[in-house]
Protein backbone atom coordinates (compact mmCIF):
# COMPACT_ATOMS: atom_id res chain seq x y z
CA MET A 1 25.60 38.20 9.01
CA ASP A 2 22.53 39.03 11.11
CA ARG A 3 20.75 40.67 8.19
CA ILE A 4 21.68 37.88 5.78
CA LEU A 5 20.27 35.31 8.18
CA GLU A 6 17.10 37.36 8.63
CA LYS A 7 16.65 37.61 4.87
CA ALA A 8 17.15 33.86 4.43
CA PHE A 9 14.42 33.01 6.94
CA ALA A 10 12.13 35.71 5.55
CA VAL A 11 11.90 33.95 2.15
CA SER A 12 11.76 30.37 3.40
CA GLY A 13 7.99 29.89 3.41
CA LEU A 14 7.64 29.20 7.12
CA GLY A 15 4.42 27.68 8.39
CA GLY A 16 4.06 29.54 11.69
CA ARG A 17 5.98 32.10 13.72
CA LEU A 18 9.70 31.69 14.32
CA THR A 19 11.75 33.94 16.57
CA VAL A 20 15.49 33.81 15.92
CA THR A 21 18.21 35.16 18.21
CA THR A 22 21.62 35.36 16.60
CA ALA A 23 24.96 34.85 18.33
CA SER A 24 25.40 38.62 18.56
CA GLY A 25 22.07 39.01 20.37
CA TYR A 26 20.13 40.36 17.38
CA ARG A 27 16.54 39.12 17.36
CA PHE A 28 14.08 38.90 14.49
CA HIS A 29 10.78 37.23 13.68
CA ALA A 30 9.87 35.26 10.56
CA GLY A 31 6.74 33.56 9.28
CA ASP A 32 3.20 34.36 10.40
CA ASP A 33 0.70 33.55 13.12
CA LEU A 34 -1.07 30.80 11.17
CA GLY A 35 0.78 27.86 12.65
CA PRO A 36 2.84 26.78 15.67
CA GLU A 37 5.33 29.08 17.35
CA ALA A 38 8.97 28.39 18.12
CA ALA A 39 12.05 30.34 19.12
CA ILE A 40 15.67 29.37 18.45
CA ARG A 41 19.06 30.82 19.33
CA PHE A 42 22.46 30.39 17.67
CA THR A 43 25.42 30.13 20.05
CA ASP A 44 28.14 31.25 17.61
CA ALA A 45 28.49 33.05 14.29
CA ALA A 46 30.16 30.05 12.63
CA ALA A 47 26.96 28.07 13.22
CA GLU A 48 24.99 30.73 11.36
CA ARG A 49 27.38 30.65 8.39
CA ALA A 50 27.28 26.85 8.27
CA LEU A 51 23.49 26.85 8.23
CA LEU A 52 23.30 29.33 5.38
CA LEU A 53 25.69 27.29 3.26
CA ASP A 54 24.04 23.88 3.76
CA PRO A 55 20.80 23.95 5.80
CA GLU A 56 19.75 20.36 4.98
CA LEU A 57 22.90 19.00 6.62
CA ARG A 58 23.60 21.64 9.25
CA PHE A 59 20.25 21.98 11.01
CA GLY A 60 20.63 18.49 12.49
CA GLU A 61 24.34 18.92 13.22
CA LEU A 62 23.86 22.22 15.00
CA TYR A 63 21.00 20.87 17.10
CA THR A 64 23.03 17.77 18.01
CA ASP A 65 26.05 19.90 19.00
CA GLU A 66 23.90 22.39 20.97
CA ARG A 67 24.92 25.26 18.73
CA LEU A 68 21.27 25.79 17.78
CA LEU A 69 19.05 25.88 20.86
CA ILE A 70 15.26 25.72 20.95
CA GLU A 71 14.19 28.29 23.54
CA ARG A 72 10.43 28.17 23.04
CA GLY A 73 8.21 25.42 21.68
CA THR A 74 9.20 21.81 21.08
CA LEU A 75 11.41 20.24 18.46
CA PRO A 76 8.32 19.05 16.51
CA ASP A 77 6.94 22.62 16.71
CA PHE A 78 10.16 23.98 15.22
CA LEU A 79 10.17 21.39 12.43
CA ALA A 80 6.51 22.10 11.68
CA VAL A 81 7.31 25.81 11.27
CA LEU A 82 10.16 24.92 8.91
CA LEU A 83 8.47 22.23 6.82
CA ALA A 84 4.68 22.29 7.01
CA ARG A 85 4.31 24.50 3.94
CA ASN A 86 7.29 23.31 1.91
CA HIS A 87 5.91 19.87 1.00
CA GLY A 88 9.30 18.44 0.10
CA SER A 89 10.44 21.41 -2.03
CA PRO A 90 12.87 23.50 0.06
CA PRO A 91 12.66 27.11 -1.17
CA LEU A 92 16.19 28.24 -0.30
CA TRP A 93 18.51 28.13 -3.30
CA PRO A 94 21.43 26.51 -1.42
CA VAL A 95 19.15 23.59 -0.60
CA ARG A 96 18.01 23.13 -4.18
CA GLY A 97 21.50 23.52 -5.64
CA ARG A 98 23.17 21.18 -3.20
CA GLY A 99 20.33 18.69 -3.57
CA LEU A 100 20.90 18.44 -7.30
CA ALA A 101 24.64 18.05 -6.79
CA ARG A 102 24.14 15.31 -4.21
CA ALA A 103 21.70 13.45 -6.44
CA LEU A 104 24.24 13.50 -9.29
CA ARG A 105 27.02 12.32 -7.00
CA ARG A 106 24.89 9.45 -5.73
CA ARG A 107 24.16 8.32 -9.27
CA LEU A 108 27.79 8.44 -10.36
CA LEU A 109 29.74 7.30 -7.32
CA ASP A 110 27.69 5.47 -4.70
CA ARG A 111 27.78 1.70 -4.84
CA ASN A 112 26.48 -0.68 -2.17
CA ASP A 113 28.66 -3.67 -3.00
CA PRO A 114 28.53 -6.48 -0.42
CA ALA A 115 31.41 -5.12 1.68
CA ARG A 116 30.03 -1.59 1.80
CA ALA A 117 26.52 -2.87 2.43
CA ARG A 118 27.77 -4.77 5.51
CA SER A 119 29.59 -1.68 6.76
CA ASN A 120 26.53 0.55 6.26
CA VAL A 121 24.26 -1.89 8.07
CA ALA A 122 26.67 -2.23 11.01
CA GLN A 123 26.69 1.53 11.63
CA HIS A 124 23.00 1.54 12.51
CA TYR A 125 21.69 -1.95 13.15
CA ASP A 126 24.63 -3.25 15.18
CA LEU A 127 24.09 -0.70 17.93
CA ASP A 128 23.40 -2.07 21.41
CA GLU A 129 20.17 -4.09 21.18
CA ARG A 130 19.05 -2.56 24.49
CA LEU A 131 18.67 0.79 22.72
CA TYR A 132 15.98 -0.54 20.39
CA GLY A 133 14.19 -2.26 23.24
CA LEU A 134 13.68 1.14 24.85
CA PHE A 135 11.33 2.48 22.18
CA LEU A 136 10.17 -0.35 19.89
CA ASP A 137 7.23 -2.67 20.53
CA PRO A 138 7.92 -5.97 22.33
CA ASP A 139 8.36 -7.76 18.98
CA LEU A 140 11.08 -5.27 17.93
CA GLN A 141 9.38 -4.17 14.73
CA TYR A 142 11.63 -1.41 13.36
CA SER A 143 9.52 -0.34 10.39
CA CYS A 144 6.29 1.49 9.66
CA ALA A 145 3.35 0.27 11.72
CA TYR A 146 -0.15 -0.05 10.24
CA TYR A 147 -2.68 2.07 12.10
CA ALA A 148 -5.69 0.18 10.81
CA GLU A 149 -7.88 2.09 13.27
CA PRO A 150 -7.30 5.51 14.86
CA ASP A 151 -5.53 5.61 18.21
CA ILE A 152 -4.91 1.88 18.48
CA GLY A 153 -1.43 2.39 19.89
CA LEU A 154 1.99 1.31 18.67
CA ASP A 155 1.91 -2.33 19.78
CA ALA A 156 -1.47 -2.99 18.16
CA ALA A 157 -0.44 -1.13 15.01
CA GLN A 158 2.70 -3.24 14.65
CA ALA A 159 0.64 -6.40 15.08
CA ALA A 160 -1.72 -5.10 12.39
CA LYS A 161 1.29 -4.50 10.10
CA LYS A 162 2.42 -8.11 10.36
CA ARG A 163 -1.15 -9.27 9.77
CA HIS A 164 -1.50 -7.01 6.72
CA ILE A 165 1.76 -8.21 5.18
CA ALA A 166 1.03 -11.90 5.83
CA ALA A 167 -2.41 -11.47 4.23
CA LYS A 168 -0.96 -9.87 1.09
CA LEU A 169 1.63 -12.63 0.89
CA LEU A 170 -1.12 -15.24 0.97
CA ALA A 171 1.12 -16.84 3.57
CA GLY A 172 0.01 -20.18 4.98
CA PRO A 173 0.73 -23.89 5.42
CA GLY A 174 3.26 -25.30 3.00
CA CYS A 175 4.85 -21.95 2.14
CA ARG A 176 8.61 -21.68 2.12
CA VAL A 177 9.47 -18.04 2.82
CA LEU A 178 12.54 -15.90 2.20
CA ASP A 179 12.68 -12.81 4.44
CA ILE A 180 15.20 -10.35 2.97
CA GLY A 181 16.39 -8.04 5.73
CA CYS A 182 14.78 -9.99 8.55
CA GLY A 183 15.55 -7.56 11.38
CA TRP A 184 15.30 -9.17 14.81
CA GLY A 185 13.15 -11.98 13.43
CA GLY A 186 9.69 -10.85 14.48
CA LEU A 187 7.99 -11.10 11.09
CA GLY A 188 9.64 -14.42 10.22
CA LEU A 189 8.56 -15.95 13.51
CA TYR A 190 5.04 -14.59 12.99
CA LEU A 191 4.82 -16.23 9.56
CA VAL A 192 5.74 -19.59 11.04
CA ARG A 193 3.94 -19.41 14.36
CA VAL A 194 0.73 -17.57 13.38
CA ALA A 195 0.37 -17.95 9.60
CA GLY A 196 1.56 -21.56 9.70
CA CYS A 197 4.21 -21.32 6.99
CA ALA A 198 6.38 -24.41 6.56
CA SER A 199 9.69 -22.56 6.86
CA VAL A 200 11.30 -19.13 6.87
CA ARG A 201 14.85 -18.24 5.93
CA GLY A 202 15.65 -14.80 7.28
CA ILE A 203 18.75 -13.10 5.92
CA THR A 204 20.46 -10.00 7.29
CA LEU A 205 23.85 -8.30 7.24
CA SER A 206 23.58 -7.26 10.90
CA ARG A 207 25.38 -9.54 13.33
CA GLU A 208 23.41 -8.17 16.26
CA GLN A 209 20.06 -8.71 14.56
CA ARG A 210 20.96 -12.21 13.43
CA ALA A 211 22.04 -13.20 16.94
CA VAL A 212 18.81 -11.91 18.49
CA ALA A 213 16.62 -13.49 15.80
CA ALA A 214 18.33 -16.88 16.13
CA ARG A 215 18.02 -16.75 19.92
CA ARG A 216 14.31 -15.89 19.71
CA SER A 217 13.73 -18.75 17.26
CA ALA A 218 15.49 -21.22 19.57
CA GLU A 219 13.61 -20.00 22.64
CA ALA A 220 10.31 -20.47 20.77
CA GLY A 221 11.30 -24.02 19.75
CA LEU A 222 11.16 -23.06 16.07
CA SER A 223 14.80 -23.39 15.00
CA ASP A 224 13.91 -26.23 12.65
CA ARG A 225 11.44 -24.00 10.77
CA ALA A 226 12.77 -20.43 11.22
CA ALA A 227 16.46 -20.00 10.38
CA PHE A 228 18.23 -16.64 10.49
CA VAL A 229 21.59 -16.24 8.80
CA LEU A 230 24.17 -13.61 7.87
CA GLU A 231 23.78 -13.44 4.13
CA ASP A 232 23.66 -10.89 1.30
CA TYR A 233 20.60 -11.19 -0.95
CA ARG A 234 22.96 -11.61 -3.90
CA ALA A 235 24.33 -14.82 -2.37
CA THR A 236 21.04 -16.52 -1.48
CA MET A 237 20.24 -19.71 -3.35
CA GLY A 238 17.16 -21.90 -3.65
CA ARG A 239 13.52 -21.32 -4.58
CA PHE A 240 10.83 -19.93 -2.30
CA ASP A 241 7.04 -19.77 -2.47
CA ARG A 242 6.99 -16.37 -0.79
CA ILE A 243 9.49 -13.54 -0.56
CA VAL A 244 9.04 -10.65 1.85
CA SER A 245 11.26 -7.65 2.39
CA VAL A 246 10.37 -4.99 4.96
CA GLY A 247 12.48 -1.87 5.48
CA MET A 248 15.50 -3.24 3.64
CA PHE A 249 15.11 -1.95 0.08
CA GLU A 250 15.97 1.59 1.24
CA HIS A 251 19.54 0.31 1.69
CA VAL A 252 19.95 -1.32 -1.74
CA GLY A 253 20.77 1.81 -3.75
CA PRO A 254 19.59 2.69 -7.29
CA ALA A 255 22.73 1.27 -8.88
CA HIS A 256 21.73 -2.20 -7.62
CA TYR A 257 17.98 -2.22 -8.28
CA ASP A 258 18.36 -4.38 -11.39
CA ALA A 259 20.45 -6.95 -9.52
CA TYR A 260 18.04 -6.93 -6.58
CA PHE A 261 14.90 -7.67 -8.59
CA GLN A 262 16.69 -10.18 -10.83
CA ALA A 263 17.77 -12.03 -7.68
CA CYS A 264 14.20 -11.91 -6.35
CA ARG A 265 12.78 -13.32 -9.57
CA ALA A 266 15.36 -16.11 -9.59
CA ARG A 267 14.45 -17.07 -6.03
CA LEU A 268 10.65 -16.78 -6.45
CA ALA A 269 8.67 -19.87 -7.42
CA GLU A 270 6.66 -19.74 -10.65
CA ASP A 271 3.42 -19.40 -8.68
CA GLY A 272 5.03 -17.40 -5.85
CA VAL A 273 4.19 -14.04 -4.32
CA MET A 274 6.55 -11.30 -3.15
CA LEU A 275 5.69 -8.36 -0.89
CA LEU A 276 8.10 -5.40 -0.90
CA HIS A 277 7.55 -2.89 1.91
CA THR A 278 9.81 0.15 1.52
CA ILE A 279 10.00 3.80 2.39
CA GLY A 280 9.75 5.92 -0.73
CA ARG A 281 8.80 9.34 -1.94
CA THR A 282 5.98 10.69 -4.06
CA GLY A 283 7.91 13.59 -5.60
CA MET A 284 10.69 13.58 -8.15
CA PRO A 285 13.75 11.34 -7.66
CA ALA A 286 16.24 13.10 -5.41
CA ALA A 287 19.08 12.45 -3.00
CA THR A 288 18.05 11.45 0.50
CA ASN A 289 18.53 14.03 3.26
CA PRO A 290 22.31 14.33 3.78
CA TRP A 291 22.13 14.44 7.57
CA ILE A 292 20.26 11.12 7.61
CA THR A 293 22.72 9.43 5.23
CA ARG A 294 25.74 10.73 7.15
CA TYR A 295 24.68 10.00 10.72
CA ILE A 296 21.85 7.45 10.66
CA PHE A 297 21.51 5.43 7.44
CA PRO A 298 24.69 5.57 5.32
CA GLY A 299 24.07 4.44 1.77
CA GLY A 300 20.32 4.91 2.12
CA HIS A 301 18.06 6.10 -0.67
CA LEU A 302 14.30 6.70 -0.74
CA PRO A 303 13.04 5.70 -4.19
CA THR A 304 10.12 6.96 -6.21
CA LEU A 305 7.89 4.51 -8.07
CA SER A 306 9.46 5.76 -11.29
CA GLU A 307 12.82 4.43 -10.04
CA ILE A 308 11.44 1.12 -8.83
CA MET A 309 9.24 0.05 -11.72
CA PRO A 310 11.74 -0.15 -14.63
CA PRO A 311 13.98 -2.73 -12.88
CA ILE A 312 10.90 -4.70 -11.79
CA GLU A 313 9.73 -4.88 -15.38
CA ALA A 314 13.22 -5.66 -16.68
CA ALA A 315 13.50 -8.58 -14.25
CA GLY A 316 10.28 -10.13 -15.59
CA LEU A 317 8.24 -9.53 -12.45
CA MET A 318 4.64 -8.31 -12.52
CA LEU A 319 3.09 -5.68 -10.25
CA ALA A 320 -0.04 -7.31 -8.83
CA ASP A 321 -0.94 -4.64 -6.28
CA VAL A 322 0.44 -1.40 -4.83
CA GLU A 323 -0.60 0.41 -1.66
CA VAL A 324 0.75 3.75 -0.46
CA LEU A 325 0.74 4.05 3.32
CA ARG A 326 0.40 7.77 3.98
CA LEU A 327 1.02 9.19 7.47
CA HIS A 328 1.29 5.74 9.06
CA TYR A 329 5.03 6.22 9.51
CA ALA A 330 4.53 9.70 10.95
CA GLU A 331 2.36 8.12 13.66
CA THR A 332 4.90 5.32 14.17
CA LEU A 333 7.76 7.78 14.63
CA ARG A 334 5.66 9.92 16.96
CA ASP A 335 5.08 6.88 19.18
CA TRP A 336 8.72 5.78 18.98
CA ARG A 337 9.94 9.24 19.97
CA ALA A 338 7.54 9.45 22.93
CA ARG A 339 8.95 6.16 24.27
CA PHE A 340 12.51 7.24 23.48
CA LEU A 341 12.13 10.51 25.39
CA ALA A 342 10.50 8.73 28.34
CA ARG A 343 13.71 6.66 28.64
CA ARG A 344 16.17 9.39 27.67
CA GLU A 345 18.28 8.93 30.80
CA THR A 346 18.76 5.25 30.00
CA VAL A 347 19.74 6.11 26.42
CA GLU A 348 22.38 8.52 27.70
CA ARG A 349 23.75 5.89 30.08
CA LEU A 350 24.10 3.48 27.15
CA TYR A 351 25.78 6.13 24.99
CA ASP A 352 25.90 9.82 25.95
CA ALA A 353 23.89 13.05 25.89
CA ARG A 354 25.05 13.95 22.37
CA PHE A 355 23.81 10.60 21.06
CA GLY A 356 20.48 11.29 22.74
CA ARG A 357 20.17 14.65 20.98
CA MET A 358 21.18 13.12 17.64
CA TRP A 359 18.53 10.43 17.87
CA ASP A 360 15.95 12.93 19.07
CA TRP A 361 16.58 14.92 15.88
CA TYR A 362 16.47 11.73 13.82
CA LEU A 363 13.10 10.61 15.14
CA ALA A 364 11.52 14.07 15.09
CA SER A 365 12.82 15.08 11.65
CA ALA A 366 11.83 11.73 10.17
CA GLU A 367 8.31 12.19 11.54
CA ALA A 368 8.20 15.65 9.97
CA ALA A 369 9.31 14.24 6.60
CA PHE A 370 6.39 11.78 6.61
CA ARG A 371 3.93 14.30 8.01
CA TYR A 372 4.74 17.37 5.92
CA GLU A 373 6.97 16.37 3.01
CA ASP A 374 6.82 13.64 0.37
CA ALA A 375 8.00 10.57 2.32
CA VAL A 376 5.60 7.61 2.26
CA VAL A 377 5.70 3.82 2.45
CA PHE A 378 5.08 1.65 -0.60
CA GLN A 379 3.82 -1.91 -0.40
CA LEU A 380 4.34 -3.61 -3.76
CA GLN A 381 2.95 -7.08 -4.38
CA LEU A 382 4.91 -8.84 -7.12
CA THR A 383 4.42 -12.12 -8.97
CA ARG A 384 5.79 -13.97 -11.98
CA ARG A 385 2.30 -14.69 -13.37
CA ASN A 386 -0.94 -12.74 -13.44
CA ASP A 387 -3.16 -15.57 -12.18
CA VAL A 388 -1.51 -16.11 -8.78
CA VAL A 389 -3.30 -13.49 -6.66
CA PRO A 390 -7.13 -13.30 -6.30
CA ARG A 391 -8.86 -10.85 -8.61
CA THR A 392 -10.19 -8.60 -5.87
CA ARG A 393 -8.79 -7.39 -2.56
CA ALA A 394 -11.47 -9.12 -0.48
CA TYR A 395 -8.99 -11.85 0.42
CA ILE A 396 -6.86 -9.39 2.41
CA ALA A 397 -9.53 -8.60 5.00
CA GLU A 398 -10.53 -12.26 5.17
CA ALA A 399 -6.95 -13.33 5.81
CA GLU A 400 -6.41 -10.59 8.40
CA ALA A 401 -9.48 -11.78 10.32
CA ARG A 402 -8.23 -15.37 10.19
CA LEU A 403 -4.78 -14.33 11.41
CA ALA A 404 -6.28 -12.27 14.23
CA ARG A 405 -8.18 -15.35 15.41
CA ALA A 406 -4.98 -17.39 15.28
CA GLU A 407 -3.18 -14.73 17.36
CA ALA A 408 -5.97 -14.83 19.94
CA GLY A 409 -5.75 -18.61 20.09
CA LEU A 410 -2.01 -18.50 20.73
CA ARG A 411 -2.47 -15.93 23.50
CA ALA A 412 -5.15 -18.06 25.11
CA HIS A 413 -2.79 -21.06 25.26
CA ALA A 414 0.28 -19.09 26.31
């Protein structure tokens, strides 16, 4: 087993130097000296066999269960050694073979019908709200921030994200907005309070998120303009001037893309604008990492543009603009993880030490996927007509400046 493990790491295209100690005490080195350095140790031979059979799934499991220990370097160092040179194409044949099998299974069997969608959402988003308050910004933005300038910090980058989205939506007075997957209500409240939209209907399948969003709206005195309800996008009725969806489309599933965009077109006014903000990937369509879908986001899928565009076109929607946010989510996850680790003891009091290790792997491995592999964020601006959005992008910066002034005015009167 020791030699098989050594051979597997020797051909894996490592980006740095990795020292591995097996359960029997055998030690070997892999990689080179052209990157970070890390050392790991396996606690039992069964862990080694499990890793060889399914590394995409087992790396995270073994780390969570303390059967793979990092003895030198940090978790991000270890992930950089593993992934920095692979660029989303794992070289080990078990990874490639299992990846193809998983992708086929997802296409044939996985369906996010309303009941399953509610169950999937509950597993992650109905966790104790205090957990998210430990590492998110004060507005509880749980999606990619927009680092419009270097080193502006998480809170400022999340404010810039809301500003950027509102600008692309051409959000303003008179607009009736549908927020699909509204989270804890931060964006919806921003569109009413800062952008001046007439009303926002935020829909979510998370009971915890809906309760927090509704409470925040009531505390701000905005319940008559910002309503948050438990509702599946397939059940929403009415017509809206603006539709926004941030960090929700990853949970729809390829089998439901046609229904999703048909529902969006039916809800969007003839002269309306939609902004879809979703994690995606720039490589070929593939199954999402199995550890993530098993332990963090069940039913999740990261689409390529080639998967998204056909159902958009079939629904009769037009792509008015597309922006690919590269590395912004890596920086967001870096900042989230720093805050998470600073409050690790509180996390473990809320749950336990194993949960803390699991979420440490989640945040660090997700950062690595955005930093080294093919994960990105797409912002797609959609319309029903081609004369709705200005011809050039100058309006975005102008709107962002106007929104920034409005934010400053609100702070001054707070």
